[in-house]
Amino acid sequence: MRTSNGQGNSPVREPEVTPSDTRHVSQAQYVFLASLQFHGYADLAASLHCIHDVALYHSQVPFDEAEKTALYDLKVLWEGLERMAQES
């Protein structure tokens, strides 16, 4: 969405200059991490944990390797976000 002066009102803006300590991070990665930070690491971690638990404990879907891997991936993501929340 654009404002009257033509600028977007997105809370996550692409940086004009990338800090030197992120030289191994692509522009897309930097913007993605900034959007995670804006939304809040702890809240996102809680959401992923909730989705994991709903799928695992409140679903009648049988789990094969693909589903087990997907649930493990969610766990890896939420634990990483929890660590990021503790560091910030």
C-alpha atoms as a PDB file:
ATOM      1  CA  MET A   1       0.000   0.000   0.000  1.00  0.00           C
ATOM      2  CA  ARG A   2       1.290   3.441  -0.884  1.00  0.00           C
ATOM      3  CA  THR A   3       0.871   6.674   1.043  1.00  0.00           C
ATOM      4  CA  SER A   4      -0.126   9.970  -0.552  1.00  0.00           C
ATOM      5  CA  ASN A   5       3.512  10.855  -1.193  1.00  0.00           C
ATOM      6  CA  GLY A   6       4.074   7.578  -3.081  1.00  0.00           C
ATOM      7  CA  GLN A   7       6.053   5.811  -0.394  1.00  0.00           C
ATOM      8  CA  GLY A   8       5.097   2.386   0.846  1.00  0.00           C
ATOM      9  CA  ASN A   9       4.036   1.918   4.437  1.00  0.00           C
ATOM     10  CA  SER A  10       5.664  -1.481   4.872  1.00  0.00           C
ATOM     11  CA  PRO A  11       7.211  -1.788   8.342  1.00  0.00           C
ATOM     12  CA  VAL A  12      10.194  -3.608   6.856  1.00  0.00           C
ATOM     13  CA  ARG A  13      12.257  -1.482   4.543  1.00  0.00           C
ATOM     14  CA  GLU A  14      15.179  -2.568   2.490  1.00  0.00           C
ATOM     15  CA  PRO A  15      18.371  -1.080   3.909  1.00  0.00           C
ATOM     16  CA  GLU A  16      20.111   1.603   1.873  1.00  0.00           C
ATOM     17  CA  VAL A  17      23.493   0.393   3.042  1.00  0.00           C
ATOM     18  CA  THR A  18      24.176  -3.104   4.283  1.00  0.00           C
ATOM     19  CA  PRO A  19      26.277  -3.103   7.463  1.00  0.00           C
ATOM     20  CA  SER A  20      29.742  -4.578   6.988  1.00  0.00           C
ATOM     21  CA  ASP A  21      29.095  -7.446   9.405  1.00  0.00           C
ATOM     22  CA  THR A  22      26.379  -8.807   7.094  1.00  0.00           C
ATOM     23  CA  ARG A  23      28.530  -9.031   3.989  1.00  0.00           C
ATOM     24  CA  HIS A  24      27.829 -12.766   3.689  1.00  0.00           C
ATOM     25  CA  VAL A  25      24.065 -12.258   3.876  1.00  0.00           C
ATOM     26  CA  SER A  26      22.115 -11.592   0.694  1.00  0.00           C
ATOM     27  CA  GLN A  27      19.740  -8.658   0.407  1.00  0.00           C
ATOM     28  CA  ALA A  28      16.760 -11.043   0.501  1.00  0.00           C
ATOM     29  CA  GLN A  29      18.087 -12.736   3.645  1.00  0.00           C
ATOM     30  CA  TYR A  30      18.645  -9.373   5.333  1.00  0.00           C
ATOM     31  CA  VAL A  31      15.096  -8.196   4.549  1.00  0.00           C
ATOM     32  CA  PHE A  32      13.659 -11.536   5.722  1.00  0.00           C
ATOM     33  CA  LEU A  33      15.532 -11.366   9.030  1.00  0.00           C
ATOM     34  CA  ALA A  34      14.430  -7.753   9.498  1.00  0.00           C
ATOM     35  CA  SER A  35      10.802  -8.785   8.997  1.00  0.00           C
ATOM     36  CA  LEU A  36      11.212 -11.581  11.568  1.00  0.00           C
ATOM     37  CA  GLN A  37      12.610  -9.078  14.032  1.00  0.00           C
ATOM     38  CA  PHE A  38       9.741  -6.649  13.366  1.00  0.00           C
ATOM     39  CA  HIS A  39       7.096  -9.301  14.034  1.00  0.00           C
ATOM     40  CA  GLY A  40       8.847 -10.488  17.170  1.00  0.00           C
ATOM     41  CA  TYR A  41      10.911 -13.633  17.526  1.00  0.00           C
ATOM     42  CA  ALA A  42       9.079 -14.889  20.610  1.00  0.00           C
ATOM     43  CA  ASP A  43       5.634 -14.473  19.041  1.00  0.00           C
ATOM     44  CA  LEU A  44       6.699 -16.241  15.857  1.00  0.00           C
ATOM     45  CA  ALA A  45       8.279 -19.053  17.879  1.00  0.00           C
ATOM     46  CA  ALA A  46       5.051 -19.492  19.839  1.00  0.00           C
ATOM     47  CA  SER A  47       3.032 -19.599  16.610  1.00  0.00           C
ATOM     48  CA  LEU A  48       5.264 -22.266  15.080  1.00  0.00           C
ATOM     49  CA  HIS A  49       5.143 -24.274  18.302  1.00  0.00           C
ATOM     50  CA  CYS A  50       1.344 -24.056  18.261  1.00  0.00           C
ATOM     51  CA  ILE A  51       1.131 -25.216  14.637  1.00  0.00           C
ATOM     52  CA  HIS A  52       3.472 -28.110  15.448  1.00  0.00           C
ATOM     53  CA  ASP A  53       1.376 -29.190  18.426  1.00  0.00           C
ATOM     54  CA  VAL A  54      -1.930 -28.898  16.578  1.00  0.00           C
ATOM     55  CA  ALA A  55      -0.606 -30.998  13.709  1.00  0.00           C
ATOM     56  CA  LEU A  56       0.959 -33.575  15.993  1.00  0.00           C
ATOM     57  CA  TYR A  57      -1.572 -33.908  18.793  1.00  0.00           C
ATOM     58  CA  HIS A  58      -4.890 -32.798  17.301  1.00  0.00           C
ATOM     59  CA  SER A  59      -4.775 -34.334  13.851  1.00  0.00           C
ATOM     60  CA  GLN A  60      -5.864 -37.718  12.583  1.00  0.00           C
ATOM     61  CA  VAL A  61      -3.443 -37.541   9.655  1.00  0.00           C
ATOM     62  CA  PRO A  62      -0.993 -40.452   9.566  1.00  0.00           C
ATOM     63  CA  PHE A  63       2.646 -39.401   9.708  1.00  0.00           C
ATOM     64  CA  ASP A  64       5.173 -40.719   7.212  1.00  0.00           C
ATOM     65  CA  GLU A  65       8.766 -39.561   6.860  1.00  0.00           C
ATOM     66  CA  ALA A  66       7.816 -36.356   5.013  1.00  0.00           C
ATOM     67  CA  GLU A  67       5.422 -35.274   7.748  1.00  0.00           C
ATOM     68  CA  LYS A  68       7.878 -36.163  10.508  1.00  0.00           C
ATOM     69  CA  THR A  69      10.569 -34.162   8.737  1.00  0.00           C
ATOM     70  CA  ALA A  70       8.235 -31.175   8.351  1.00  0.00           C
ATOM     71  CA  LEU A  71       7.365 -31.246  12.055  1.00  0.00           C
ATOM     72  CA  TYR A  72      11.043 -31.470  12.962  1.00  0.00           C
ATOM     73  CA  ASP A  73      11.743 -28.495  10.668  1.00  0.00           C
ATOM     74  CA  LEU A  74       9.093 -26.480  12.541  1.00  0.00           C
ATOM     75  CA  LYS A  75      10.785 -27.423  15.816  1.00  0.00           C
ATOM     76  CA  VAL A  76      14.170 -26.285  14.506  1.00  0.00           C
ATOM     77  CA  LEU A  77      12.656 -22.960  13.419  1.00  0.00           C
ATOM     78  CA  TRP A  78      10.827 -22.218  16.663  1.00  0.00           C
ATOM     79  CA  GLU A  79      13.838 -23.128  18.793  1.00  0.00           C
ATOM     80  CA  GLY A  80      16.041 -20.876  16.676  1.00  0.00           C
ATOM     81  CA  LEU A  81      13.573 -18.025  17.036  1.00  0.00           C
ATOM     82  CA  GLU A  82      13.458 -18.581  20.798  1.00  0.00           C
ATOM     83  CA  ARG A  83      17.252 -18.279  20.950  1.00  0.00           C
ATOM     84  CA  MET A  84      17.106 -15.103  18.864  1.00  0.00           C
ATOM     85  CA  ALA A  85      14.475 -13.685  21.236  1.00  0.00           C
ATOM     86  CA  GLN A  86      16.710 -14.403  24.240  1.00  0.00           C
ATOM     87  CA  GLU A  87      19.665 -12.651  22.580  1.00  0.00           C
ATOM     88  CA  SER A  88      17.731  -9.529  21.623  1.00  0.00           C
END
